[in-house]
C-alpha atoms as a PDB file:
ATOM      1  CA  MET A   1      -3.068 -18.719  -9.926  1.00  0.00           C
ATOM      2  CA  GLN A   2      -2.500 -21.559  -7.482  1.00  0.00           C
ATOM      3  CA  THR A   3      -4.933 -24.473  -7.513  1.00  0.00           C
ATOM      4  CA  SER A   4      -5.615 -26.774  -4.560  1.00  0.00           C
ATOM      5  CA  PHE A   5      -7.317 -30.121  -4.116  1.00  0.00           C
ATOM      6  CA  ASP A   6      -7.855 -32.677  -1.348  1.00  0.00           C
ATOM      7  CA  LEU A   7      -6.203 -36.088  -1.755  1.00  0.00           C
ATOM      8  CA  ILE A   8      -8.102 -39.143  -0.498  1.00  0.00           C
ATOM      9  CA  SER A   9      -7.422 -42.852  -1.039  1.00  0.00           C
ATOM     10  CA  ASP A  10      -7.579 -46.401   0.302  1.00  0.00           C
ATOM     11  CA  LEU A  11     -10.706 -45.807   2.358  1.00  0.00           C
ATOM     12  CA  HIS A  12     -11.534 -49.544   2.452  1.00  0.00           C
ATOM     13  CA  ILE A  13     -15.020 -48.554   3.507  1.00  0.00           C
ATOM     14  CA  GLU A  14     -16.283 -52.019   4.415  1.00  0.00           C
ATOM     15  CA  THR A  15     -13.579 -52.500   7.071  1.00  0.00           C
ATOM     16  CA  TRP A  16     -14.561 -49.457   9.171  1.00  0.00           C
ATOM     17  CA  ASP A  17     -17.612 -49.153  11.451  1.00  0.00           C
ATOM     18  CA  GLN A  18     -17.596 -45.364  11.332  1.00  0.00           C
ATOM     19  CA  GLN A  19     -17.065 -43.265   8.219  1.00  0.00           C
ATOM     20  CA  PRO A  20     -15.636 -39.732   8.042  1.00  0.00           C
ATOM     21  CA  ASP A  21     -18.037 -36.811   7.767  1.00  0.00           C
ATOM     22  CA  TRP A  22     -16.669 -35.423   4.516  1.00  0.00           C
ATOM     23  CA  LYS A  23     -18.823 -32.299   4.626  1.00  0.00           C
ATOM     24  CA  SER A  24     -16.948 -31.080   7.691  1.00  0.00           C
ATOM     25  CA  LEU A  25     -13.531 -32.287   6.479  1.00  0.00           C
ATOM     26  CA  ALA A  26     -13.315 -30.792   2.982  1.00  0.00           C
ATOM     27  CA  THR A  27     -10.631 -28.107   2.687  1.00  0.00           C
ATOM     28  CA  SER A  28     -10.734 -27.485  -1.079  1.00  0.00           C
ATOM     29  CA  MET A  29     -13.283 -27.166  -3.857  1.00  0.00           C
ATOM     30  CA  TYR A  30     -11.988 -30.324  -5.538  1.00  0.00           C
ATOM     31  CA  CYS A  31     -10.821 -33.731  -4.414  1.00  0.00           C
ATOM     32  CA  VAL A  32      -8.843 -36.549  -5.985  1.00  0.00           C
ATOM     33  CA  VAL A  33      -9.770 -40.087  -4.970  1.00  0.00           C
ATOM     34  CA  ALA A  34      -6.894 -42.412  -5.870  1.00  0.00           C
ATOM     35  CA  GLY A  35      -8.638 -45.770  -5.587  1.00  0.00           C
ATOM     36  CA  ASP A  36      -9.352 -48.617  -3.157  1.00  0.00           C
ATOM     37  CA  VAL A  37     -12.606 -47.093  -1.959  1.00  0.00           C
ATOM     38  CA  ALA A  38     -14.156 -50.514  -1.322  1.00  0.00           C
ATOM     39  CA  ARG A  39     -14.464 -54.029  -2.678  1.00  0.00           C
ATOM     40  CA  ASP A  40     -18.245 -53.737  -2.721  1.00  0.00           C
ATOM     41  CA  ARG A  41     -19.128 -51.806  -5.870  1.00  0.00           C
ATOM     42  CA  GLY A  42     -22.288 -50.434  -4.319  1.00  0.00           C
ATOM     43  CA  LEU A  43     -20.226 -48.877  -1.528  1.00  0.00           C
ATOM     44  CA  VAL A  44     -17.862 -47.367  -4.107  1.00  0.00           C
ATOM     45  CA  ILE A  45     -20.714 -45.611  -5.889  1.00  0.00           C
ATOM     46  CA  GLU A  46     -22.376 -44.583  -2.631  1.00  0.00           C
ATOM     47  CA  THR A  47     -19.144 -43.071  -1.285  1.00  0.00           C
ATOM     48  CA  LEU A  48     -18.350 -41.195  -4.503  1.00  0.00           C
ATOM     49  CA  ALA A  49     -21.911 -39.848  -4.593  1.00  0.00           C
ATOM     50  CA  HIS A  50     -21.556 -38.593  -1.023  1.00  0.00           C
ATOM     51  CA  LEU A  51     -18.204 -36.959  -1.802  1.00  0.00           C
ATOM     52  CA  SER A  52     -19.758 -35.271  -4.827  1.00  0.00           C
ATOM     53  CA  ASN A  53     -22.090 -33.418  -2.448  1.00  0.00           C
ATOM     54  CA  CYS A  54     -19.102 -32.113  -0.502  1.00  0.00           C
ATOM     55  CA  TYR A  55     -16.905 -30.954  -3.399  1.00  0.00           C
ATOM     56  CA  LYS A  56     -17.441 -29.027  -6.597  1.00  0.00           C
ATOM     57  CA  ALA A  57     -15.820 -31.950  -8.438  1.00  0.00           C
ATOM     58  CA  VAL A  58     -14.494 -35.365  -7.482  1.00  0.00           C
ATOM     59  CA  LEU A  59     -11.704 -36.765  -9.700  1.00  0.00           C
ATOM     60  CA  TYR A  60     -11.616 -40.552  -9.409  1.00  0.00           C
ATOM     61  CA  ILE A  61      -9.324 -43.361 -10.501  1.00  0.00           C
ATOM     62  CA  ASP A  62      -9.962 -46.983  -9.536  1.00  0.00           C
ATOM     63  CA  GLY A  63      -7.745 -49.103  -7.309  1.00  0.00           C
ATOM     64  CA  ASN A  64      -7.177 -52.840  -7.331  1.00  0.00           C
ATOM     65  CA  ASP A  65      -9.699 -53.404  -4.521  1.00  0.00           C
ATOM     66  CA  GLU A  66     -12.571 -52.225  -6.721  1.00  0.00           C
ATOM     67  CA  HIS A  67     -11.792 -55.280  -8.888  1.00  0.00           C
ATOM     68  CA  ARG A  68     -10.879 -57.743  -6.133  1.00  0.00           C
ATOM     69  CA  TYR A  69     -13.577 -60.244  -7.170  1.00  0.00           C
ATOM     70  CA  HIS A  70     -13.118 -59.669 -10.903  1.00  0.00           C
ATOM     71  CA  TYR A  71      -9.387 -60.155 -11.493  1.00  0.00           C
ATOM     72  CA  ASP A  72     -10.169 -62.833 -14.086  1.00  0.00           C
ATOM     73  CA  SER A  73     -12.222 -60.365 -16.179  1.00  0.00           C
ATOM     74  CA  LEU A  74     -10.529 -56.991 -15.626  1.00  0.00           C
ATOM     75  CA  PRO A  75     -11.544 -55.272 -18.904  1.00  0.00           C
ATOM     76  CA  GLU A  76     -15.225 -56.072 -18.291  1.00  0.00           C
ATOM     77  CA  SER A  77     -14.937 -55.066 -14.631  1.00  0.00           C
ATOM     78  CA  LEU A  78     -13.374 -51.745 -15.592  1.00  0.00           C
ATOM     79  CA  THR A  79     -16.112 -51.011 -18.132  1.00  0.00           C
ATOM     80  CA  ASP A  80     -18.876 -51.862 -15.663  1.00  0.00           C
ATOM     81  CA  LEU A  81     -17.367 -49.725 -12.893  1.00  0.00           C
ATOM     82  CA  TYR A  82     -16.943 -46.626 -15.021  1.00  0.00           C
ATOM     83  CA  GLU A  83     -20.373 -46.937 -16.604  1.00  0.00           C
ATOM     84  CA  GLN A  84     -21.742 -46.515 -13.079  1.00  0.00           C
ATOM     85  CA  VAL A  85     -19.292 -43.758 -12.156  1.00  0.00           C
ATOM     86  CA  LYS A  86     -20.217 -41.743 -15.257  1.00  0.00           C
ATOM     87  CA  CYS A  87     -23.797 -41.528 -13.993  1.00  0.00           C
ATOM     88  CA  LEU A  88     -22.725 -39.616 -10.873  1.00  0.00           C
ATOM     89  CA  GLU A  89     -23.065 -35.852 -10.942  1.00  0.00           C
ATOM     90  CA  ASN A  90     -19.839 -33.913 -10.205  1.00  0.00           C
ATOM     91  CA  VAL A  91     -17.718 -37.093 -10.351  1.00  0.00           C
ATOM     92  CA  ILE A  92     -15.097 -37.051 -13.108  1.00  0.00           C
ATOM     93  CA  PRO A  93     -13.565 -40.439 -13.994  1.00  0.00           C
ATOM     94  CA  LEU A  94      -9.870 -40.179 -14.831  1.00  0.00           C
ATOM     95  CA  GLN A  95      -9.786 -43.491 -16.673  1.00  0.00           C
ATOM     96  CA  ASP A  96      -9.091 -42.612 -20.348  1.00  0.00           C
ATOM     97  CA  ASN A  97     -10.000 -39.036 -19.539  1.00  0.00           C
ATOM     98  CA  VAL A  98      -8.084 -35.849 -18.733  1.00  0.00           C
ATOM     99  CA  ALA A  99      -9.626 -33.367 -16.284  1.00  0.00           C
ATOM    100  CA  VAL A 100      -8.466 -29.749 -16.611  1.00  0.00           C
ATOM    101  CA  ILE A 101      -8.933 -27.233 -13.776  1.00  0.00           C
ATOM    102  CA  ASP A 102      -7.471 -23.731 -14.015  1.00  0.00           C
ATOM    103  CA  GLY A 103      -4.789 -24.806 -16.482  1.00  0.00           C
ATOM    104  CA  VAL A 104      -3.876 -27.925 -14.457  1.00  0.00           C
ATOM    105  CA  ALA A 105      -4.345 -31.247 -16.253  1.00  0.00           C
ATOM    106  CA  PHE A 106      -5.070 -34.292 -14.083  1.00  0.00           C
ATOM    107  CA  VAL A 107      -4.024 -37.524 -15.797  1.00  0.00           C
ATOM    108  CA  GLY A 108      -4.871 -40.761 -14.023  1.00  0.00           C
ATOM    109  CA  VAL A 109      -4.319 -44.499 -14.281  1.00  0.00           C
ATOM    110  CA  ASN A 110      -4.627 -47.400 -11.880  1.00  0.00           C
ATOM    111  CA  GLY A 111      -1.111 -48.506 -12.867  1.00  0.00           C
ATOM    112  CA  TRP A 112      -1.427 -52.034 -11.459  1.00  0.00           C
ATOM    113  CA  TRP A 113       1.823 -53.928 -11.015  1.00  0.00           C
ATOM    114  CA  THR A 114       4.344 -55.760 -13.162  1.00  0.00           C
ATOM    115  CA  TYR A 115       5.762 -58.306 -10.667  1.00  0.00           C
ATOM    116  CA  ASP A 116       9.289 -56.950 -11.248  1.00  0.00           C
ATOM    117  CA  PHE A 117       9.305 -53.765  -9.180  1.00  0.00           C
ATOM    118  CA  ASP A 118      12.294 -55.004  -7.185  1.00  0.00           C
ATOM    119  CA  ASP A 119      15.074 -56.932  -8.939  1.00  0.00           C
ATOM    120  CA  ALA A 120      15.926 -58.692  -5.670  1.00  0.00           C
ATOM    121  CA  GLU A 121      12.682 -60.680  -5.893  1.00  0.00           C
ATOM    122  CA  THR A 122      12.113 -62.895  -8.914  1.00  0.00           C
ATOM    123  CA  TYR A 123       9.332 -62.170 -11.378  1.00  0.00           C
ATOM    124  CA  THR A 124       8.084 -65.778 -11.467  1.00  0.00           C
ATOM    125  CA  GLN A 125       8.057 -66.227  -7.693  1.00  0.00           C
ATOM    126  CA  SER A 126       6.168 -62.960  -7.228  1.00  0.00           C
ATOM    127  CA  LYS A 127       3.498 -64.126  -9.662  1.00  0.00           C
ATOM    128  CA  ARG A 128       3.215 -67.399  -7.778  1.00  0.00           C
ATOM    129  CA  TRP A 129       2.973 -65.550  -4.445  1.00  0.00           C
ATOM    130  CA  ILE A 130       0.047 -63.366  -5.468  1.00  0.00           C
ATOM    131  CA  ALA A 131      -1.708 -66.330  -7.069  1.00  0.00           C
ATOM    132  CA  ASP A 132      -1.542 -68.153  -3.737  1.00  0.00           C
ATOM    133  CA  GLN A 133      -2.376 -65.020  -1.732  1.00  0.00           C
ATOM    134  CA  TYR A 134      -5.608 -64.294  -3.610  1.00  0.00           C
ATOM    135  CA  ASP A 135      -6.364 -67.726  -5.061  1.00  0.00           C
ATOM    136  CA  LEU A 136      -5.937 -66.471  -8.626  1.00  0.00           C
ATOM    137  CA  GLN A 137      -5.634 -68.439 -11.831  1.00  0.00           C
ATOM    138  CA  HIS A 138      -2.910 -67.941 -14.436  1.00  0.00           C
ATOM    139  CA  GLU A 139      -5.193 -65.871 -16.679  1.00  0.00           C
ATOM    140  CA  ALA A 140      -5.986 -63.381 -13.908  1.00  0.00           C
ATOM    141  CA  ILE A 141      -2.291 -62.950 -13.083  1.00  0.00           C
ATOM    142  CA  ASN A 142      -1.525 -62.154 -16.719  1.00  0.00           C
ATOM    143  CA  GLN A 143      -4.485 -59.767 -17.053  1.00  0.00           C
ATOM    144  CA  ILE A 144      -3.138 -57.656 -14.200  1.00  0.00           C
ATOM    145  CA  GLU A 145       0.225 -57.377 -15.943  1.00  0.00           C
ATOM    146  CA  ALA A 146      -1.450 -56.579 -19.273  1.00  0.00           C
ATOM    147  CA  MET A 147      -3.443 -53.765 -17.649  1.00  0.00           C
ATOM    148  CA  ALA A 148      -0.227 -52.364 -16.146  1.00  0.00           C
ATOM    149  CA  LEU A 149       1.350 -52.163 -19.583  1.00  0.00           C
ATOM    150  CA  LEU A 150      -1.777 -50.622 -21.128  1.00  0.00           C
ATOM    151  CA  ASP A 151      -1.897 -47.985 -18.389  1.00  0.00           C
ATOM    152  CA  THR A 152       1.775 -47.200 -19.000  1.00  0.00           C
ATOM    153  CA  LYS A 153       1.168 -46.741 -22.733  1.00  0.00           C
ATOM    154  CA  TYR A 154      -1.872 -44.527 -22.130  1.00  0.00           C
ATOM    155  CA  LEU A 155       0.039 -42.353 -19.666  1.00  0.00           C
ATOM    156  CA  ASN A 156       2.970 -41.904 -22.055  1.00  0.00           C
ATOM    157  CA  ASN A 157       0.736 -41.023 -25.013  1.00  0.00           C
ATOM    158  CA  THR A 158      -1.398 -38.604 -23.010  1.00  0.00           C
ATOM    159  CA  VAL A 159       1.477 -36.679 -21.436  1.00  0.00           C
ATOM    160  CA  ASP A 160       3.190 -36.523 -24.822  1.00  0.00           C
ATOM    161  CA  ARG A 161       0.095 -34.922 -26.383  1.00  0.00           C
ATOM    162  CA  LEU A 162      -0.302 -32.451 -23.519  1.00  0.00           C
ATOM    163  CA  GLN A 163       3.145 -31.015 -24.204  1.00  0.00           C
ATOM    164  CA  LYS A 164       1.667 -29.269 -27.257  1.00  0.00           C
ATOM    165  CA  HIS A 165      -1.270 -27.674 -25.389  1.00  0.00           C
ATOM    166  CA  LYS A 166      -0.233 -24.142 -24.430  1.00  0.00           C
ATOM    167  CA  ASP A 167      -3.264 -23.733 -22.140  1.00  0.00           C
ATOM    168  CA  ILE A 168      -2.000 -26.630 -19.992  1.00  0.00           C
ATOM    169  CA  GLU A 169       0.660 -25.199 -17.695  1.00  0.00           C
ATOM    170  CA  THR A 170       0.851 -27.974 -15.106  1.00  0.00           C
ATOM    171  CA  ILE A 171       0.241 -31.733 -15.090  1.00  0.00           C
ATOM    172  CA  VAL A 172      -0.695 -33.750 -12.010  1.00  0.00           C
ATOM    173  CA  ILE A 173      -0.300 -37.509 -12.411  1.00  0.00           C
ATOM    174  CA  VAL A 174      -2.607 -39.717 -10.342  1.00  0.00           C
ATOM    175  CA  SER A 175      -1.888 -43.440 -10.073  1.00  0.00           C
ATOM    176  CA  HIS A 176      -3.248 -45.937  -7.632  1.00  0.00           C
ATOM    177  CA  THR A 177      -0.079 -48.001  -7.423  1.00  0.00           C
ATOM    178  CA  VAL A 178       3.378 -46.806  -6.393  1.00  0.00           C
ATOM    179  CA  PRO A 179       5.319 -45.195  -9.270  1.00  0.00           C
ATOM    180  CA  SER A 180       8.884 -45.723  -8.020  1.00  0.00           C
ATOM    181  CA  LEU A 181      10.713 -48.294  -5.922  1.00  0.00           C
ATOM    182  CA  ASP A 182      12.732 -45.434  -4.413  1.00  0.00           C
ATOM    183  CA  LEU A 183       9.614 -44.250  -2.580  1.00  0.00           C
ATOM    184  CA  VAL A 184       9.223 -47.466  -0.552  1.00  0.00           C
ATOM    185  CA  ALA A 185      12.712 -49.003  -0.556  1.00  0.00           C
ATOM    186  CA  HIS A 186      13.306 -47.667   2.972  1.00  0.00           C
ATOM    187  CA  ASP A 187      10.506 -49.829   4.429  1.00  0.00           C
ATOM    188  CA  LEU A 188      12.103 -52.762   6.238  1.00  0.00           C
ATOM    189  CA  ASP A 189       8.723 -54.504   6.457  1.00  0.00           C
ATOM    190  CA  LEU A 190       8.818 -54.903   2.668  1.00  0.00           C
ATOM    191  CA  GLU A 191      12.445 -55.949   2.362  1.00  0.00           C
ATOM    192  CA  ASN A 192      12.867 -59.340   0.686  1.00  0.00           C
ATOM    193  CA  THR A 193       9.118 -59.848   0.325  1.00  0.00           C
ATOM    194  CA  HIS A 194       7.108 -60.706  -2.773  1.00  0.00           C
ATOM    195  CA  ARG A 195       4.559 -58.124  -1.640  1.00  0.00           C
ATOM    196  CA  LEU A 196       7.003 -55.426  -2.715  1.00  0.00           C
ATOM    197  CA  ASN A 197       6.741 -56.590  -6.324  1.00  0.00           C
ATOM    198  CA  CYS A 198       2.970 -56.151  -6.208  1.00  0.00           C
ATOM    199  CA  LEU A 199       3.115 -52.554  -5.003  1.00  0.00           C
ATOM    200  CA  GLY A 200       3.998 -50.840  -8.245  1.00  0.00           C
ATOM    201  CA  ASN A 201       4.659 -50.668 -11.946  1.00  0.00           C
ATOM    202  CA  ARG A 202       8.356 -50.244 -12.722  1.00  0.00           C
ATOM    203  CA  TYR A 203       7.683 -48.774 -16.173  1.00  0.00           C
ATOM    204  CA  ILE A 204       5.110 -46.150 -15.300  1.00  0.00           C
ATOM    205  CA  ARG A 205       7.594 -43.507 -14.203  1.00  0.00           C
ATOM    206  CA  ASN A 206       9.146 -43.534 -17.685  1.00  0.00           C
ATOM    207  CA  VAL A 207       6.389 -41.050 -18.536  1.00  0.00           C
ATOM    208  CA  LEU A 208       8.701 -38.341 -17.203  1.00  0.00           C
ATOM    209  CA  GLN A 209      10.742 -38.775 -20.375  1.00  0.00           C
ATOM    210  CA  LYS A 210       7.695 -37.592 -22.339  1.00  0.00           C
ATOM    211  CA  ASP A 211       7.450 -34.443 -20.232  1.00  0.00           C
ATOM    212  CA  THR A 212       9.779 -32.385 -22.405  1.00  0.00           C
ATOM    213  CA  GLU A 213       8.224 -29.091 -21.259  1.00  0.00           C
ATOM    214  CA  GLY A 214       8.571 -29.883 -17.541  1.00  0.00           C
ATOM    215  CA  LYS A 215       4.840 -29.652 -16.859  1.00  0.00           C
ATOM    216  CA  ILE A 216       4.612 -32.552 -14.380  1.00  0.00           C
ATOM    217  CA  THR A 217       5.004 -31.097 -10.883  1.00  0.00           C
ATOM    218  CA  THR A 218       3.061 -33.519  -8.678  1.00  0.00           C
ATOM    219  CA  TRP A 219       2.387 -37.254  -8.620  1.00  0.00           C
ATOM    220  CA  CYS A 220      -0.364 -38.527  -6.312  1.00  0.00           C
ATOM    221  CA  PHE A 221      -0.416 -42.239  -5.578  1.00  0.00           C
ATOM    222  CA  ALA A 222      -1.950 -44.725  -3.172  1.00  0.00           C
ATOM    223  CA  HIS A 223      -1.832 -48.495  -2.395  1.00  0.00           C
ATOM    224  CA  TYR A 224       1.031 -48.073   0.107  1.00  0.00           C
ATOM    225  CA  HIS A 225      -0.530 -47.368   3.500  1.00  0.00           C
ATOM    226  CA  LYS A 226       2.266 -45.333   5.071  1.00  0.00           C
ATOM    227  CA  ASP A 227       2.530 -41.595   4.461  1.00  0.00           C
ATOM    228  CA  ILE A 228       5.045 -40.324   1.934  1.00  0.00           C
ATOM    229  CA  GLU A 229       5.773 -36.798   0.760  1.00  0.00           C
ATOM    230  CA  ARG A 230       9.008 -36.665  -1.166  1.00  0.00           C
ATOM    231  CA  VAL A 231      10.575 -34.850  -4.109  1.00  0.00           C
ATOM    232  CA  LEU A 232      12.429 -36.922  -6.708  1.00  0.00           C
ATOM    233  CA  ASP A 233      13.984 -35.278  -9.762  1.00  0.00           C
ATOM    234  CA  GLY A 234      11.892 -32.162  -9.257  1.00  0.00           C
ATOM    235  CA  VAL A 235       8.520 -33.949  -8.939  1.00  0.00           C
ATOM    236  CA  LYS A 236       6.638 -34.080  -5.646  1.00  0.00           C
ATOM    237  CA  TYR A 237       5.287 -37.570  -4.829  1.00  0.00           C
ATOM    238  CA  ILE A 238       2.566 -37.711  -2.208  1.00  0.00           C
ATOM    239  CA  ASN A 239       0.011 -40.152  -0.839  1.00  0.00           C
ATOM    240  CA  ASN A 240      -2.693 -40.106   1.819  1.00  0.00           C
ATOM    241  CA  CYS A 241      -4.104 -43.570   2.479  1.00  0.00           C
ATOM    242  CA  ARG A 242      -6.532 -44.376   5.261  1.00  0.00           C
ATOM    243  CA  GLY A 243      -5.864 -48.123   5.161  1.00  0.00           C
ATOM    244  CA  ARG A 244      -7.795 -51.118   6.416  1.00  0.00           C
ATOM    245  CA  ALA A 245      -9.300 -50.986   9.888  1.00  0.00           C
ATOM    246  CA  ASN A 246      -7.560 -52.944  12.625  1.00  0.00           C
ATOM    247  CA  THR A 247      -4.234 -53.068  10.788  1.00  0.00           C
ATOM    248  CA  GLU A 248      -0.934 -51.524  11.792  1.00  0.00           C
ATOM    249  CA  TRP A 249      -0.923 -49.214   8.753  1.00  0.00           C
ATOM    250  CA  SER A 250      -4.257 -47.454   9.121  1.00  0.00           C
ATOM    251  CA  LYS A 251      -5.652 -44.188  10.467  1.00  0.00           C
ATOM    252  CA  THR A 252      -8.614 -44.263  12.840  1.00  0.00           C
ATOM    253  CA  VAL A 253      -8.720 -40.479  12.570  1.00  0.00           C
ATOM    254  CA  TYR A 254      -8.391 -39.563   8.912  1.00  0.00           C
ATOM    255  CA  PHE A 255      -8.325 -36.251   7.063  1.00  0.00           C
ATOM    256  CA  PRO A 256      -8.062 -35.291   3.402  1.00  0.00           C
ATOM    257  CA  LYS A 257      -4.631 -33.918   2.540  1.00  0.00           C
ATOM    258  CA  LYS A 258      -4.701 -30.479   0.907  1.00  0.00           C
ATOM    259  CA  ILE A 259      -2.276 -30.128  -1.989  1.00  0.00           C
ATOM    260  CA  TYR A 260      -1.352 -26.955  -3.842  1.00  0.00           C
ATOM    261  CA  VAL A 261      -0.181 -26.969  -7.461  1.00  0.00           C
END
């Protein structure tokens, strides 16, 4: 039996005057929200609660924007966010949690970034760039990298364990950040920029080596505000970001993207 869900991400709620009417836009029973709902935590919870009234279940993973003002205390920020999310009816947090729908396992991580996505840009310079960009201290820069490595380890361990579950036929990976440089290398706006090294985690895609049974069919991601739907090595990679209002890479008219698995 084929399962479908709506993919939503990078809503950046506080930058838009008018919000979508999700009740009239839903095309599936379930939706996946791949992060960057808002920087204001109250708006994050409010938006997820509204979505939960429009779908049978909302599967949610955080983005970097949810932690924009807490980069220096990421573990505490993560705990606080998900304590609030867990109180929402019909909202299923994907952080450290696998959601299973009709034999499809949804495994999610933020993913963060490792400052070495592109070998053409130096690791040290990329760290310095983001520190200047967001006025971050050394500790915050290192915490982001540490979270990226923790997310990679969790993803590897989880997919490895799911290989043994006969009732799990398909795995959908959900990450906020970009899982492969190949997906964005065509973008001339990113060429020779330090921003490219803060788009993704170069180690996260190694999880495919743990997929010995070939269960991973789809990888949903976000963070990159231009549409991508591409198959690499038999896995479909797809995003559907709304983006920040009044920027070149944003959608004034925005719809959930229906995905079949």
